[in-house]
Amino acid sequence: MRIGIICASDSELAPFLPIIDECKITEKAMLQFYEGTINGINVVTLYSGVCKVNAAIAAQILIDTYDVDIIINAGTAGGMNPELEIFDSVISTEVAYHDVEPDILTEFHPWLESVYFKSDQELLNLSHKAIGKIETEGKVYWGRMVTGEIFIADEGRKKINEIFAPLTVDMETASIAHVCYVNGIPFISIRCVTDTATHSGTGHFEENCNKASIIAKDITVALLKELYSDQLQASDSLDFL
């Protein structure tokens, strides 16, 4: 099993780099890919750069070149639900674009059944197990994320909430989920909140990004532990047969 981990920025990737064993760096399409193991799981991780296209490029390369079996999107996000506080975390159950007309997705190739890309159910089950075994600063929620090509401060927040009622907003998750969907690759996103309606703006994002990135890394690593345990159990079952 090989897991692809996509972060948007170098700050979001930074907490992962010291914990990658036997790390090898390769380059493709102006991106650097870090290959190695974390907690016994083979991983390939990188930062894609901000925005949907950059994230989609990274996801497709992970699938085509590095033959990953699962993609995890890890990083930070803006909180949209008023219940969310700074450093709360959200694990995606489904993801949508907030800036793409629905019929572009459902009425044209590849004719999606819905504007929502679902996270893999097995990964969701394992994420619940993982969260039950660790302590995190802030609460952890499971729910909807939305993605668009704009940093949401105050303008546009109300409309997005009325249409989608998301927990968080970011600039990459839906495009990664979209690429995973058309390739049949299991996907999940883990995002820690850096800014909210109460504490909005790029200033709060930049101030909180490093700490939020560490929290997202910790949750991701906990999920990798569960994946490793699940893989060992499956291997033991096959040996028994």
C-alpha atoms as a PDB file:
ATOM      1  CA  MET A   1       0.000   0.000   0.000  1.00  0.00           C
ATOM      2  CA  ARG A   2       1.224   3.481  -0.864  1.00  0.00           C
ATOM      3  CA  ILE A   3      -0.440   6.650   0.391  1.00  0.00           C
ATOM      4  CA  GLY A   4      -0.260  10.002  -1.344  1.00  0.00           C
ATOM      5  CA  ILE A   5      -0.439  13.052   0.928  1.00  0.00           C
ATOM      6  CA  ILE A   6      -1.092  16.424  -0.695  1.00  0.00           C
ATOM      7  CA  CYS A   7      -0.589  19.698   1.132  1.00  0.00           C
ATOM      8  CA  ALA A   8      -1.240  23.047  -0.517  1.00  0.00           C
ATOM      9  CA  SER A   9       1.693  25.009   0.925  1.00  0.00           C
ATOM     10  CA  ASP A  10       5.207  24.425   2.205  1.00  0.00           C
ATOM     11  CA  SER A  11       4.019  25.393   5.689  1.00  0.00           C
ATOM     12  CA  GLU A  12       1.441  22.603   5.617  1.00  0.00           C
ATOM     13  CA  LEU A  13       3.985  20.082   4.348  1.00  0.00           C
ATOM     14  CA  ALA A  14       6.755  21.050   6.784  1.00  0.00           C
ATOM     15  CA  PRO A  15       5.514  19.023   9.815  1.00  0.00           C
ATOM     16  CA  PHE A  16       5.587  15.804   7.763  1.00  0.00           C
ATOM     17  CA  LEU A  17       9.155  16.030   6.507  1.00  0.00           C
ATOM     18  CA  PRO A  18      11.027  15.225   9.774  1.00  0.00           C
ATOM     19  CA  ILE A  19       8.993  12.039  10.315  1.00  0.00           C
ATOM     20  CA  ILE A  20       9.506  10.471   6.880  1.00  0.00           C
ATOM     21  CA  ASP A  21      11.941   7.556   7.177  1.00  0.00           C
ATOM     22  CA  GLU A  22      14.368   6.798   4.338  1.00  0.00           C
ATOM     23  CA  CYS A  23      13.186   9.872   2.496  1.00  0.00           C
ATOM     24  CA  LYS A  24      13.965  10.177  -1.199  1.00  0.00           C
ATOM     25  CA  ILE A  25      13.193  13.339  -3.173  1.00  0.00           C
ATOM     26  CA  THR A  26      12.165  13.217  -6.815  1.00  0.00           C
ATOM     27  CA  GLU A  27      10.903  15.935  -9.132  1.00  0.00           C
ATOM     28  CA  LYS A  28       8.237  16.126 -11.813  1.00  0.00           C
ATOM     29  CA  ALA A  29       6.232  18.992 -13.329  1.00  0.00           C
ATOM     30  CA  MET A  30       8.030  21.579 -11.168  1.00  0.00           C
ATOM     31  CA  LEU A  31       6.999  19.691  -8.009  1.00  0.00           C
ATOM     32  CA  GLN A  32       9.113  17.902  -5.398  1.00  0.00           C
ATOM     33  CA  PHE A  33       7.865  14.528  -4.160  1.00  0.00           C
ATOM     34  CA  TYR A  34       9.076  13.099  -0.847  1.00  0.00           C
ATOM     35  CA  GLU A  35       9.002   9.284  -0.790  1.00  0.00           C
ATOM     36  CA  GLY A  36       9.532   7.151   2.282  1.00  0.00           C
ATOM     37  CA  THR A  37       7.635   5.606   5.178  1.00  0.00           C
ATOM     38  CA  ILE A  38       5.653   6.968   8.111  1.00  0.00           C
ATOM     39  CA  ASN A  39       4.698   4.467  10.810  1.00  0.00           C
ATOM     40  CA  GLY A  40       5.425   1.579   8.469  1.00  0.00           C
ATOM     41  CA  ILE A  41       3.236   2.914   5.653  1.00  0.00           C
ATOM     42  CA  ASN A  42       4.768   3.820   2.297  1.00  0.00           C
ATOM     43  CA  VAL A  43       4.001   7.457   1.551  1.00  0.00           C
ATOM     44  CA  VAL A  44       4.622  10.035  -1.140  1.00  0.00           C
ATOM     45  CA  THR A  45       3.961  13.598  -0.071  1.00  0.00           C
ATOM     46  CA  LEU A  46       4.364  17.073  -1.507  1.00  0.00           C
ATOM     47  CA  TYR A  47       3.032  20.580  -1.502  1.00  0.00           C
ATOM     48  CA  SER A  48       1.160  21.311  -4.696  1.00  0.00           C
ATOM     49  CA  GLY A  49       0.848  25.067  -4.521  1.00  0.00           C
ATOM     50  CA  VAL A  50      -2.397  26.875  -3.873  1.00  0.00           C
ATOM     51  CA  CYS A  51      -5.450  26.598  -6.154  1.00  0.00           C
ATOM     52  CA  LYS A  52      -7.500  23.920  -7.842  1.00  0.00           C
ATOM     53  CA  VAL A  53      -5.355  23.323 -10.927  1.00  0.00           C
ATOM     54  CA  ASN A  54      -2.118  22.962  -8.972  1.00  0.00           C
ATOM     55  CA  ALA A  55      -3.743  20.484  -6.606  1.00  0.00           C
ATOM     56  CA  ALA A  56      -5.243  18.495  -9.486  1.00  0.00           C
ATOM     57  CA  ILE A  57      -1.847  18.272 -11.218  1.00  0.00           C
ATOM     58  CA  ALA A  58      -0.307  16.903  -8.032  1.00  0.00           C
ATOM     59  CA  ALA A  59      -3.082  14.354  -7.540  1.00  0.00           C
ATOM     60  CA  GLN A  60      -2.861  12.994 -11.074  1.00  0.00           C
ATOM     61  CA  ILE A  61       0.915  12.659 -10.893  1.00  0.00           C
ATOM     62  CA  LEU A  62       0.640  10.773  -7.599  1.00  0.00           C
ATOM     63  CA  ILE A  63      -1.740   8.343  -9.299  1.00  0.00           C
ATOM     64  CA  ASP A  64       0.042   7.960 -12.643  1.00  0.00           C
ATOM     65  CA  THR A  65       3.708   8.171 -11.652  1.00  0.00           C
ATOM     66  CA  TYR A  66       3.815   7.056  -8.021  1.00  0.00           C
ATOM     67  CA  ASP A  67       0.992   4.509  -8.184  1.00  0.00           C
ATOM     68  CA  VAL A  68      -0.636   5.550  -4.916  1.00  0.00           C
ATOM     69  CA  ASP A  69      -3.589   3.542  -3.612  1.00  0.00           C
ATOM     70  CA  ILE A  70      -5.103   6.323  -1.474  1.00  0.00           C
ATOM     71  CA  ILE A  71      -4.827  10.101  -1.411  1.00  0.00           C
ATOM     72  CA  ILE A  72      -5.102  12.158   1.764  1.00  0.00           C
ATOM     73  CA  ASN A  73      -5.357  15.930   1.558  1.00  0.00           C
ATOM     74  CA  ALA A  74      -3.903  17.475   4.721  1.00  0.00           C
ATOM     75  CA  GLY A  75      -3.641  21.108   5.737  1.00  0.00           C
ATOM     76  CA  THR A  76      -5.594  24.149   6.822  1.00  0.00           C
ATOM     77  CA  ALA A  77      -8.941  25.736   6.010  1.00  0.00           C
ATOM     78  CA  GLY A  78     -11.252  28.586   6.809  1.00  0.00           C
ATOM     79  CA  GLY A  79     -14.093  27.815   9.190  1.00  0.00           C
ATOM     80  CA  MET A  80     -17.549  28.455   7.745  1.00  0.00           C
ATOM     81  CA  ASN A  81     -19.855  26.946  10.349  1.00  0.00           C
ATOM     82  CA  PRO A  82     -20.249  29.387  13.284  1.00  0.00           C
ATOM     83  CA  GLU A  83     -19.689  26.573  15.776  1.00  0.00           C
ATOM     84  CA  LEU A  84     -16.118  26.081  14.603  1.00  0.00           C
ATOM     85  CA  GLU A  85     -13.259  27.669  16.541  1.00  0.00           C
ATOM     86  CA  ILE A  86      -9.649  28.328  15.623  1.00  0.00           C
ATOM     87  CA  PHE A  87      -7.669  25.030  15.681  1.00  0.00           C
ATOM     88  CA  ASP A  88     -10.763  22.844  15.432  1.00  0.00           C
ATOM     89  CA  SER A  89     -10.299  20.230  12.720  1.00  0.00           C
ATOM     90  CA  VAL A  90     -12.625  18.868  10.050  1.00  0.00           C
ATOM     91  CA  ILE A  91     -12.456  15.509   8.296  1.00  0.00           C
ATOM     92  CA  SER A  92     -14.330  15.500   5.014  1.00  0.00           C
ATOM     93  CA  THR A  93     -17.414  13.378   4.455  1.00  0.00           C
ATOM     94  CA  GLU A  94     -18.089  15.058   1.104  1.00  0.00           C
ATOM     95  CA  VAL A  95     -16.608  17.897  -0.919  1.00  0.00           C
ATOM     96  CA  ALA A  96     -17.952  20.338  -3.535  1.00  0.00           C
ATOM     97  CA  TYR A  97     -16.882  23.350  -5.569  1.00  0.00           C
ATOM     98  CA  HIS A  98     -18.570  26.562  -4.462  1.00  0.00           C
ATOM     99  CA  ASP A  99     -17.570  28.405  -7.627  1.00  0.00           C
ATOM    100  CA  VAL A 100     -18.518  25.930 -10.395  1.00  0.00           C
ATOM    101  CA  GLU A 101     -21.996  25.826 -11.927  1.00  0.00           C
ATOM    102  CA  PRO A 102     -23.618  22.494 -10.990  1.00  0.00           C
ATOM    103  CA  ASP A 103     -24.688  21.569 -14.525  1.00  0.00           C
ATOM    104  CA  ILE A 104     -21.074  21.778 -15.729  1.00  0.00           C
ATOM    105  CA  LEU A 105     -20.412  18.785 -13.511  1.00  0.00           C
ATOM    106  CA  THR A 106     -23.639  16.841 -13.914  1.00  0.00           C
ATOM    107  CA  GLU A 107     -24.717  17.577 -17.515  1.00  0.00           C
ATOM    108  CA  PHE A 108     -21.357  17.229 -19.252  1.00  0.00           C
ATOM    109  CA  HIS A 109     -18.572  14.653 -19.239  1.00  0.00           C
ATOM    110  CA  PRO A 110     -17.904  12.845 -16.951  1.00  0.00           C
ATOM    111  CA  TRP A 111     -21.603  13.314 -16.017  1.00  0.00           C
ATOM    112  CA  LEU A 112     -21.320  13.195 -12.260  1.00  0.00           C
ATOM    113  CA  GLU A 113     -24.291  11.911 -10.306  1.00  0.00           C
ATOM    114  CA  SER A 114     -23.920  14.773  -7.836  1.00  0.00           C
ATOM    115  CA  VAL A 115     -21.872  17.917  -7.274  1.00  0.00           C
ATOM    116  CA  TYR A 116     -20.566  16.278  -4.093  1.00  0.00           C
ATOM    117  CA  PHE A 117     -17.518  14.011  -4.067  1.00  0.00           C
ATOM    118  CA  LYS A 118     -17.816  11.506  -1.238  1.00  0.00           C
ATOM    119  CA  SER A 119     -14.902  10.567   0.978  1.00  0.00           C
ATOM    120  CA  ASP A 120     -14.047   6.893   1.147  1.00  0.00           C
ATOM    121  CA  GLN A 121     -16.176   5.162   3.780  1.00  0.00           C
ATOM    122  CA  GLU A 122     -13.419   2.868   5.031  1.00  0.00           C
ATOM    123  CA  LEU A 123     -11.121   5.853   5.522  1.00  0.00           C
ATOM    124  CA  LEU A 124     -13.896   7.616   7.409  1.00  0.00           C
ATOM    125  CA  ASN A 125     -14.351   4.569   9.654  1.00  0.00           C
ATOM    126  CA  LEU A 126     -10.623   4.439  10.352  1.00  0.00           C
ATOM    127  CA  SER A 127     -10.524   8.185  11.022  1.00  0.00           C
ATOM    128  CA  HIS A 128     -13.081   7.760  13.803  1.00  0.00           C
ATOM    129  CA  LYS A 129     -10.890   5.045  15.346  1.00  0.00           C
ATOM    130  CA  ALA A 130      -7.829   7.268  15.005  1.00  0.00           C
ATOM    131  CA  ILE A 131      -9.420  10.276  16.676  1.00  0.00           C
ATOM    132  CA  GLY A 132     -10.553   8.078  19.549  1.00  0.00           C
ATOM    133  CA  LYS A 133      -6.913   7.290  20.346  1.00  0.00           C
ATOM    134  CA  ILE A 134      -5.306  10.737  20.298  1.00  0.00           C
ATOM    135  CA  GLU A 135      -5.683  14.115  21.929  1.00  0.00           C
ATOM    136  CA  THR A 136      -5.924  17.189  19.735  1.00  0.00           C
ATOM    137  CA  GLU A 137      -6.139  20.863  20.445  1.00  0.00           C
ATOM    138  CA  GLY A 138      -9.646  21.844  19.476  1.00  0.00           C
ATOM    139  CA  LYS A 139     -12.527  19.592  18.527  1.00  0.00           C
ATOM    140  CA  VAL A 140     -12.715  17.288  15.525  1.00  0.00           C
ATOM    141  CA  TYR A 141     -15.756  17.321  13.255  1.00  0.00           C
ATOM    142  CA  TRP A 142     -16.784  15.248  10.262  1.00  0.00           C
ATOM    143  CA  GLY A 143     -18.682  17.011   7.500  1.00  0.00           C
ATOM    144  CA  ARG A 144     -18.826  18.906   4.232  1.00  0.00           C
ATOM    145  CA  MET A 145     -16.012  20.985   2.759  1.00  0.00           C
ATOM    146  CA  VAL A 146     -16.175  23.360  -0.198  1.00  0.00           C
ATOM    147  CA  THR A 147     -13.484  24.656  -2.523  1.00  0.00           C
ATOM    148  CA  GLY A 148     -13.083  27.739  -4.691  1.00  0.00           C
ATOM    149  CA  GLU A 149     -10.515  30.068  -6.203  1.00  0.00           C
ATOM    150  CA  ILE A 150     -10.775  32.812  -3.613  1.00  0.00           C
ATOM    151  CA  PHE A 151      -9.760  33.372   0.002  1.00  0.00           C
ATOM    152  CA  ILE A 152     -13.045  33.802   1.890  1.00  0.00           C
ATOM    153  CA  ALA A 153     -13.012  36.604   4.441  1.00  0.00           C
ATOM    154  CA  ASP A 154     -16.413  38.294   4.745  1.00  0.00           C
ATOM    155  CA  GLU A 155     -17.557  38.830   1.175  1.00  0.00           C
ATOM    156  CA  GLY A 156     -19.279  35.753  -0.232  1.00  0.00           C
ATOM    157  CA  ARG A 157     -19.451  33.886   3.080  1.00  0.00           C
ATOM    158  CA  LYS A 158     -23.225  34.220   3.479  1.00  0.00           C
ATOM    159  CA  LYS A 159     -24.034  32.964  -0.022  1.00  0.00           C
ATOM    160  CA  ILE A 160     -21.764  29.938   0.290  1.00  0.00           C
ATOM    161  CA  ASN A 161     -23.294  29.043   3.641  1.00  0.00           C
ATOM    162  CA  GLU A 162     -26.827  29.374   2.270  1.00  0.00           C
ATOM    163  CA  ILE A 163     -26.158  27.107  -0.702  1.00  0.00           C
ATOM    164  CA  PHE A 164     -23.792  24.510   0.746  1.00  0.00           C
ATOM    165  CA  ALA A 165     -23.823  24.800   4.564  1.00  0.00           C
ATOM    166  CA  PRO A 166     -20.181  23.647   4.719  1.00  0.00           C
ATOM    167  CA  LEU A 167     -17.992  23.308   7.762  1.00  0.00           C
ATOM    168  CA  THR A 168     -14.909  24.666   5.983  1.00  0.00           C
ATOM    169  CA  VAL A 169     -13.707  26.324   2.796  1.00  0.00           C
ATOM    170  CA  ASP A 170     -10.380  26.058   0.976  1.00  0.00           C
ATOM    171  CA  MET A 171      -8.851  26.286  -2.505  1.00  0.00           C
ATOM    172  CA  GLU A 172      -7.825  22.682  -3.277  1.00  0.00           C
ATOM    173  CA  THR A 173      -9.850  19.871  -1.707  1.00  0.00           C
ATOM    174  CA  ALA A 174     -12.631  19.456  -4.278  1.00  0.00           C
ATOM    175  CA  SER A 175     -10.205  19.321  -7.186  1.00  0.00           C
ATOM    176  CA  ILE A 176      -8.194  16.563  -5.488  1.00  0.00           C
ATOM    177  CA  ALA A 177     -11.408  14.692  -4.708  1.00  0.00           C
ATOM    178  CA  HIS A 178     -12.503  15.171  -8.343  1.00  0.00           C
ATOM    179  CA  VAL A 179      -9.281  13.627  -9.672  1.00  0.00           C
ATOM    180  CA  CYS A 180      -9.598  10.737  -7.226  1.00  0.00           C
ATOM    181  CA  TYR A 181     -13.216  10.177  -8.264  1.00  0.00           C
ATOM    182  CA  VAL A 182     -12.507   9.815 -11.972  1.00  0.00           C
ATOM    183  CA  ASN A 183      -9.533   7.529 -11.232  1.00  0.00           C
ATOM    184  CA  GLY A 184     -11.335   5.373  -8.674  1.00  0.00           C
ATOM    185  CA  ILE A 185      -8.889   6.256  -5.890  1.00  0.00           C
ATOM    186  CA  PRO A 186     -10.060   6.432  -2.241  1.00  0.00           C
ATOM    187  CA  PHE A 187      -9.848   9.972  -0.860  1.00  0.00           C
ATOM    188  CA  ILE A 188     -10.214  11.884   2.383  1.00  0.00           C
ATOM    189  CA  SER A 189      -9.304  15.401   3.527  1.00  0.00           C
ATOM    190  CA  ILE A 190      -8.113  16.556   6.950  1.00  0.00           C
ATOM    191  CA  ARG A 191      -8.139  20.318   7.498  1.00  0.00           C
ATOM    192  CA  CYS A 192      -7.483  22.382  10.630  1.00  0.00           C
ATOM    193  CA  VAL A 193      -9.194  25.770  10.990  1.00  0.00           C
ATOM    194  CA  THR A 194      -7.021  28.892  10.843  1.00  0.00           C
ATOM    195  CA  ASP A 195      -9.699  31.571  10.535  1.00  0.00           C
ATOM    196  CA  THR A 196     -13.447  31.964  11.060  1.00  0.00           C
ATOM    197  CA  ALA A 197     -16.179  34.538  10.521  1.00  0.00           C
ATOM    198  CA  THR A 198     -15.261  36.009  13.909  1.00  0.00           C
ATOM    199  CA  HIS A 199     -11.526  35.900  13.237  1.00  0.00           C
ATOM    200  CA  SER A 200     -11.382  36.367   9.480  1.00  0.00           C
ATOM    201  CA  GLY A 201      -8.782  37.609   7.015  1.00  0.00           C
ATOM    202  CA  THR A 202      -5.349  36.645   5.771  1.00  0.00           C
ATOM    203  CA  GLY A 203      -3.708  37.971   8.923  1.00  0.00           C
ATOM    204  CA  HIS A 204      -5.354  35.326  11.086  1.00  0.00           C
ATOM    205  CA  PHE A 205      -4.590  32.644   8.517  1.00  0.00           C
ATOM    206  CA  GLU A 206      -0.889  33.454   8.438  1.00  0.00           C
ATOM    207  CA  GLU A 207      -0.681  33.740  12.225  1.00  0.00           C
ATOM    208  CA  ASN A 208      -2.297  30.344  12.809  1.00  0.00           C
ATOM    209  CA  CYS A 209      -1.082  28.371   9.794  1.00  0.00           C
ATOM    210  CA  ASN A 210       1.974  26.694  11.325  1.00  0.00           C
ATOM    211  CA  LYS A 211       0.179  25.432  14.418  1.00  0.00           C
ATOM    212  CA  ALA A 212      -2.875  24.316  12.434  1.00  0.00           C
ATOM    213  CA  SER A 213      -0.594  22.447  10.034  1.00  0.00           C
ATOM    214  CA  ILE A 214       0.926  20.490  12.917  1.00  0.00           C
ATOM    215  CA  ILE A 215      -2.540  19.533  14.159  1.00  0.00           C
ATOM    216  CA  ALA A 216      -3.553  18.346  10.678  1.00  0.00           C
ATOM    217  CA  LYS A 217      -0.310  16.347  10.482  1.00  0.00           C
ATOM    218  CA  ASP A 218      -0.976  14.696  13.839  1.00  0.00           C
ATOM    219  CA  ILE A 219      -4.449  13.579  12.762  1.00  0.00           C
ATOM    220  CA  THR A 220      -3.105  12.337   9.433  1.00  0.00           C
ATOM    221  CA  VAL A 221      -0.373  10.328  11.160  1.00  0.00           C
ATOM    222  CA  ALA A 222      -2.970   8.818  13.499  1.00  0.00           C
ATOM    223  CA  LEU A 223      -4.959   7.750  10.441  1.00  0.00           C
ATOM    224  CA  LEU A 224      -1.818   6.221   8.911  1.00  0.00           C
ATOM    225  CA  LYS A 225      -1.375   4.163  12.096  1.00  0.00           C
ATOM    226  CA  GLU A 226      -4.891   2.801  11.677  1.00  0.00           C
ATOM    227  CA  LEU A 227      -4.230   2.039   8.017  1.00  0.00           C
ATOM    228  CA  TYR A 228      -1.062   0.158   8.995  1.00  0.00           C
ATOM    229  CA  SER A 229      -2.932  -1.826  11.645  1.00  0.00           C
ATOM    230  CA  ASP A 230      -5.705  -2.588   9.171  1.00  0.00           C
ATOM    231  CA  GLN A 231      -3.127  -3.730   6.608  1.00  0.00           C
ATOM    232  CA  LEU A 232      -1.466  -6.043   9.137  1.00  0.00           C
ATOM    233  CA  GLN A 233      -4.801  -7.583  10.090  1.00  0.00           C
ATOM    234  CA  ALA A 234      -5.644  -8.208   6.459  1.00  0.00           C
ATOM    235  CA  SER A 235      -2.233  -9.821   5.916  1.00  0.00           C
ATOM    236  CA  ASP A 236      -2.660 -12.052   8.988  1.00  0.00           C
ATOM    237  CA  SER A 237      -6.069 -13.168   7.706  1.00  0.00           C
ATOM    238  CA  LEU A 238      -4.593 -14.130   4.340  1.00  0.00           C
ATOM    239  CA  ASP A 239      -1.767 -16.057   6.047  1.00  0.00           C
ATOM    240  CA  PHE A 240      -4.339 -17.936   8.133  1.00  0.00           C
ATOM    241  CA  LEU A 241      -6.260 -18.924   5.003  1.00  0.00           C
END
